Protein backbone atom coordinates (compact mmCIF):
# COMPACT_ATOMS: atom_id res chain seq x y z
CA MET A 1 0.05 -0.10 -0.11
CA GLN A 2 1.04 3.64 -0.89
CA ILE A 3 0.30 6.19 1.71
CA ASP A 4 0.58 9.92 1.03
CA LEU A 5 0.71 12.28 3.90
CA PHE A 6 0.31 15.99 3.22
CA THR A 7 1.32 18.07 6.13
CA LEU A 8 2.94 21.08 7.21
CA PHE A 9 5.20 18.80 9.61
CA PRO A 10 6.99 16.14 7.63
CA ALA A 11 9.51 15.48 10.55
CA PHE A 12 6.52 14.88 12.81
CA PHE A 13 6.38 11.48 11.13
CA GLU A 14 9.73 10.19 10.65
CA SER A 15 10.11 8.74 14.49
CA PRO A 16 6.54 7.06 14.48
CA LEU A 17 6.84 5.48 11.03
CA SER A 18 10.23 4.04 11.82
CA VAL A 19 9.42 1.73 14.91
CA SER A 20 7.02 -1.04 15.41
CA LEU A 21 4.74 -2.51 13.04
CA PRO A 22 4.66 0.66 10.52
CA GLY A 23 8.56 0.59 10.46
CA ARG A 24 8.64 -3.23 9.86
CA ALA A 25 6.03 -3.19 7.21
CA ILE A 26 7.94 -0.38 5.53
CA ARG A 27 11.26 -2.26 5.65
CA ASP A 28 9.44 -5.60 4.38
CA GLY A 29 8.08 -3.24 1.24
CA VAL A 30 4.38 -3.98 2.28
CA LEU A 31 4.02 -0.31 3.05
CA ALA A 32 5.74 2.98 1.53
CA VAL A 33 5.00 6.38 2.95
CA ARG A 34 5.66 9.61 1.59
CA CYS A 35 5.24 12.87 3.72
CA ILE A 36 4.63 15.87 1.45
CA ASP A 37 5.27 19.30 2.89
CA PHE A 38 2.37 21.34 0.98
CA ARG A 39 4.05 24.64 2.23
CA LYS A 40 6.54 24.12 -0.38
CA TYR A 41 3.86 24.59 -3.17
CA ALA A 42 3.07 27.90 -1.59
CA THR A 43 4.07 30.78 -4.26
CA ASP A 44 4.48 33.91 -2.28
CA ARG A 45 7.96 34.63 -0.80
CA HIS A 46 6.97 33.84 2.87
CA ARG A 47 5.47 30.59 1.74
CA THR A 48 1.88 31.21 3.28
CA VAL A 49 -0.20 28.65 3.83
CA ASP A 50 -3.17 30.11 6.00
CA ASP A 51 -5.16 33.02 5.70
CA THR A 52 -8.58 34.28 7.25
CA PRO A 53 -11.97 32.89 6.41
CA TYR A 54 -13.31 34.39 3.20
CA GLY A 55 -16.94 35.06 4.61
CA GLY A 56 -15.25 36.30 8.07
CA GLY A 57 -15.15 34.58 11.05
CA PRO A 58 -12.78 33.29 13.97
CA GLY A 59 -9.31 31.74 13.31
CA MET A 60 -7.44 30.80 10.22
CA LEU A 61 -7.99 28.19 7.49
CA LEU A 62 -5.48 26.61 5.29
CA ARG A 63 -5.39 28.24 1.80
CA PRO A 64 -6.56 25.99 -1.09
CA GLU A 65 -3.63 26.88 -3.38
CA PRO A 66 -0.66 25.18 -1.91
CA ILE A 67 -2.92 21.92 -0.91
CA VAL A 68 -4.27 21.90 -4.59
CA ALA A 69 -0.97 22.41 -6.18
CA ALA A 70 0.41 19.67 -4.03
CA PHE A 71 -2.44 17.24 -5.17
CA GLU A 72 -1.87 17.88 -8.69
CA ASP A 73 2.07 17.21 -8.55
CA ASN A 74 1.26 14.02 -6.75
CA PRO A 75 -1.90 12.29 -8.37
CA LEU A 76 -3.87 9.85 -6.74
CA PRO A 77 -3.33 6.55 -7.92
CA THR A 78 -6.26 4.42 -9.50
CA GLY A 79 -8.34 2.97 -6.87
CA GLY A 80 -7.10 5.24 -4.14
CA ARG A 81 -9.15 7.46 -1.78
CA ARG A 82 -7.81 10.92 -0.47
CA ILE A 83 -9.19 11.61 3.09
CA TYR A 84 -9.13 14.88 5.25
CA LEU A 85 -8.09 13.99 8.71
CA THR A 86 -10.19 16.64 10.93
CA PRO A 87 -12.31 16.47 14.42
CA TRP A 88 -15.41 16.85 12.97
CA GLY A 89 -15.07 13.77 10.35
CA ARG A 90 -16.72 10.37 10.81
CA PRO A 91 -14.98 8.21 13.53
CA LEU A 92 -12.42 5.76 12.23
CA ARG A 93 -13.74 2.47 13.66
CA GLN A 94 -12.58 -1.11 12.87
CA PRO A 95 -14.82 -1.42 9.56
CA LEU A 96 -13.50 1.77 7.89
CA VAL A 97 -9.94 1.00 8.86
CA GLU A 98 -10.43 -2.77 7.10
CA GLU A 99 -12.17 -0.61 4.26
CA LEU A 100 -9.11 1.60 3.92
CA ALA A 101 -6.38 -1.01 4.37
CA ALA A 102 -7.83 -2.95 1.33
CA LEU A 103 -7.11 0.21 -0.80
CA PRO A 104 -4.07 0.02 -2.99
CA ALA A 105 -3.06 3.89 -2.06
CA LEU A 106 -4.08 6.41 0.46
CA GLN A 107 -3.75 9.94 0.61
CA MET A 108 -4.39 11.69 3.89
CA LEU A 109 -4.49 15.63 4.40
CA CYS A 110 -3.63 16.79 8.04
CA GLY A 111 -5.38 19.45 9.23
CA ARG A 112 -4.34 22.47 10.90
CA TYR A 113 -5.70 25.74 12.33
CA GLU A 114 -9.49 25.77 12.09
CA GLY A 115 -9.66 23.80 9.11
CA VAL A 116 -9.24 23.79 5.28
CA ASP A 117 -10.82 25.95 2.90
CA GLU A 118 -13.94 24.41 1.93
CA ARG A 119 -13.23 24.55 -1.97
CA VAL A 120 -10.40 21.55 -1.13
CA ILE A 121 -12.98 19.39 0.55
CA ASP A 122 -15.58 20.01 -2.16
CA GLY A 123 -13.20 19.27 -5.16
CA TRP A 124 -10.37 17.07 -3.93
CA ILE A 125 -11.59 15.17 -0.97
CA ASP A 126 -13.23 11.68 -0.73
CA ASP A 127 -13.87 11.43 2.86
CA CYS A 128 -13.21 13.38 6.13
CA ILE A 129 -12.47 11.07 9.03
CA SER A 130 -11.81 11.91 12.70
């Protein structure tokens, strides 16, 4: 299985993915994981990935442009699924784990701040999971 993690903090995943069951699966070739820093796809001088909500409101949202550019540069393999990890997503329970484990590829967008611009969810995300 191929897993792509779209995150602002790729170094955060290095340690947990190198030990125990994930580490063994990667060493045995059963699992391949790529951590993709979507900040690298920001086009402004400061590599800005967040902004205030367009319609107003509290907090900051992840901007769509760097995320979409990262998705376009790393296309979803045939038969794969792209999910957004968010507290308001549906709960991750065993039947869903088994369903996702059967896929050839999985791309996960790791949330930050108040969330992500709704255009990303509407146009690019297959499922929202907590």
